[in-house]
C-alpha atoms as a PDB file:
ATOM      1  CA  MET A   1     118.243 104.873 133.862  1.00  0.00           C
ATOM      2  CA  MET A   2     115.872 106.077 131.169  1.00  0.00           C
ATOM      3  CA  TYR A   3     114.989 109.752 130.820  1.00  0.00           C
ATOM      4  CA  ALA A   4     112.008 111.599 129.340  1.00  0.00           C
ATOM      5  CA  LYS A   5     113.553 114.377 127.230  1.00  0.00           C
ATOM      6  CA  LYS A   6     110.834 115.853 124.961  1.00  0.00           C
ATOM      7  CA  ILE A   7     107.073 115.802 124.605  1.00  0.00           C
ATOM      8  CA  ARG A   8     104.547 115.987 121.788  1.00  0.00           C
ATOM      9  CA  MET A   9     101.160 117.394 122.667  1.00  0.00           C
ATOM     10  CA  GLN A  10      97.874 116.312 121.096  1.00  0.00           C
ATOM     11  CA  ASN A  11      96.730 118.330 118.080  1.00  0.00           C
ATOM     12  CA  GLY A  12      95.427 121.734 119.116  1.00  0.00           C
ATOM     13  CA  CYS A  13      96.975 121.481 122.595  1.00  0.00           C
ATOM     14  CA  ARG A  14     100.504 122.788 121.944  1.00  0.00           C
ATOM     15  CA  ASN A  15     100.401 125.343 124.786  1.00  0.00           C
ATOM     16  CA  SER A  16      98.383 123.246 127.240  1.00  0.00           C
ATOM     17  CA  ASN A  17      99.526 122.703 130.828  1.00  0.00           C
ATOM     18  CA  ASN A  18      97.528 119.494 131.210  1.00  0.00           C
ATOM     19  CA  THR A  19      99.518 116.253 131.327  1.00  0.00           C
ATOM     20  CA  GLN A  20      96.519 114.362 129.947  1.00  0.00           C
ATOM     21  CA  GLU A  21      96.994 116.255 126.674  1.00  0.00           C
ATOM     22  CA  ILE A  22     100.522 114.913 126.130  1.00  0.00           C
ATOM     23  CA  ALA A  23     100.397 112.543 123.154  1.00  0.00           C
ATOM     24  CA  GLU A  24     103.944 111.125 123.148  1.00  0.00           C
ATOM     25  CA  ILE A  25     107.125 111.355 125.174  1.00  0.00           C
ATOM     26  CA  TYR A  26     110.674 110.955 123.884  1.00  0.00           C
ATOM     27  CA  VAL A  27     112.538 108.460 126.071  1.00  0.00           C
ATOM     28  CA  ASP A  28     116.321 107.994 125.928  1.00  0.00           C
ATOM     29  CA  GLY A  29     118.583 105.509 127.691  1.00  0.00           C
ATOM     30  CA  CYS A  30     116.803 102.430 126.373  1.00  0.00           C
ATOM     31  CA  ASN A  31     117.529 100.024 123.503  1.00  0.00           C
ATOM     32  CA  ASN A  32     115.233 101.890 121.109  1.00  0.00           C
ATOM     33  CA  PRO A  33     115.127 105.603 122.059  1.00  0.00           C
ATOM     34  CA  GLY A  34     112.315 107.599 120.532  1.00  0.00           C
ATOM     35  CA  PHE A  35     108.780 108.877 121.002  1.00  0.00           C
ATOM     36  CA  PHE A  36     106.350 106.566 122.788  1.00  0.00           C
ATOM     37  CA  PRO A  37     102.571 107.035 123.180  1.00  0.00           C
ATOM     38  CA  LYS A  38     101.529 107.902 126.722  1.00  0.00           C
ATOM     39  CA  ALA A  39      99.419 104.730 127.086  1.00  0.00           C
ATOM     40  CA  VAL A  40     102.416 102.547 126.160  1.00  0.00           C
ATOM     41  CA  LEU A  41     104.541 104.304 128.784  1.00  0.00           C
ATOM     42  CA  HIS A  42     101.715 103.962 131.324  1.00  0.00           C
ATOM     43  CA  ASP A  43     101.635 100.186 130.853  1.00  0.00           C
ATOM     44  CA  PHE A  44     105.447  99.947 130.911  1.00  0.00           C
ATOM     45  CA  LEU A  45     105.655 101.893 134.169  1.00  0.00           C
ATOM     46  CA  LYS A  46     103.003  99.707 135.795  1.00  0.00           C
ATOM     47  CA  THR A  47     105.345  96.720 135.427  1.00  0.00           C
ATOM     48  CA  ASN A  48     108.633  98.693 135.691  1.00  0.00           C
ATOM     49  CA  PRO A  49     108.115 101.408 138.328  1.00  0.00           C
ATOM     50  CA  ASN A  50     110.817 104.039 138.908  1.00  0.00           C
ATOM     51  CA  SER A  51     112.523 103.246 135.607  1.00  0.00           C
ATOM     52  CA  ILE A  52     112.036 106.628 133.849  1.00  0.00           C
ATOM     53  CA  LYS A  53     112.931 110.075 135.175  1.00  0.00           C
ATOM     54  CA  VAL A  54     112.173 113.533 133.767  1.00  0.00           C
ATOM     55  CA  ASN A  55     115.426 114.965 132.389  1.00  0.00           C
ATOM     56  CA  ILE A  56     115.262 118.241 134.346  1.00  0.00           C
ATOM     57  CA  SER A  57     115.987 119.036 137.962  1.00  0.00           C
ATOM     58  CA  PRO A  58     114.874 117.720 140.428  1.00  0.00           C
ATOM     59  CA  PHE A  59     114.684 114.638 138.121  1.00  0.00           C
ATOM     60  CA  PRO A  60     111.382 113.223 139.398  1.00  0.00           C
ATOM     61  CA  TYR A  61     110.215 109.790 138.345  1.00  0.00           C
ATOM     62  CA  VAL A  62     107.562 109.452 135.653  1.00  0.00           C
ATOM     63  CA  VAL A  63     104.544 107.631 137.089  1.00  0.00           C
ATOM     64  CA  PRO A  64     101.425 106.072 135.523  1.00  0.00           C
ATOM     65  CA  ALA A  65      98.041 107.730 136.047  1.00  0.00           C
ATOM     66  CA  THR A  66      94.469 107.177 134.883  1.00  0.00           C
ATOM     67  CA  SER A  67      91.905 109.906 134.259  1.00  0.00           C
ATOM     68  CA  TYR A  68      88.385 109.754 135.662  1.00  0.00           C
ATOM     69  CA  ARG A  69      87.312 108.638 132.154  1.00  0.00           C
ATOM     70  CA  GLY A  70      89.742 105.713 132.246  1.00  0.00           C
ATOM     71  CA  GLU A  71      92.330 107.275 129.917  1.00  0.00           C
ATOM     72  CA  LYS A  72      95.891 106.091 130.564  1.00  0.00           C
ATOM     73  CA  TYR A  73      98.540 108.792 130.788  1.00  0.00           C
ATOM     74  CA  VAL A  74     101.732 109.594 132.683  1.00  0.00           C
ATOM     75  CA  ARG A  75     102.875 112.453 134.874  1.00  0.00           C
ATOM     76  CA  SER A  76     105.869 113.183 137.061  1.00  0.00           C
ATOM     77  CA  GLU A  77     105.978 112.597 140.795  1.00  0.00           C
ATOM     78  CA  ALA A  78     104.512 115.470 142.747  1.00  0.00           C
ATOM     79  CA  ASN A  79     106.935 118.088 144.067  1.00  0.00           C
ATOM     80  CA  ASP A  80     106.910 121.799 144.851  1.00  0.00           C
ATOM     81  CA  THR A  81     106.445 122.996 141.242  1.00  0.00           C
ATOM     82  CA  ILE A  82     103.177 124.501 140.004  1.00  0.00           C
ATOM     83  CA  HIS A  83     103.130 122.643 136.677  1.00  0.00           C
ATOM     84  CA  ASP A  84     104.138 119.044 136.160  1.00  0.00           C
ATOM     85  CA  ASN A  85     107.819 118.692 135.279  1.00  0.00           C
ATOM     86  CA  LEU A  86     106.969 116.795 132.075  1.00  0.00           C
ATOM     87  CA  LEU A  87     105.300 119.973 130.797  1.00  0.00           C
ATOM     88  CA  LYS A  88     108.608 121.841 131.178  1.00  0.00           C
ATOM     89  CA  LEU A  89     110.344 119.607 128.632  1.00  0.00           C
ATOM     90  CA  PRO A  90     110.890 120.870 125.068  1.00  0.00           C
ATOM     91  CA  ARG A  91     107.783 120.480 122.898  1.00  0.00           C
ATOM     92  CA  MET A  92     108.047 119.102 119.391  1.00  0.00           C
END
């Protein structure tokens, strides 16, 4: 299983609580761990669903999403938290 462990926000959005403003996500548990752009992860998850989880409880899956403007991004599966679990990961 691969896990999302850290995030990098877009410039000027360090304290944002909007998943669309995540620029890159650090993924571990794969052959080449490191930061990946959100659009790359979006495309990967389209062909490999349920292959990445957020590395914090309750360990939801990371899922692809598309904004109303057509921008590819990722978020975690919906649960009972106010903010997306990806936004709770350490920010670099």
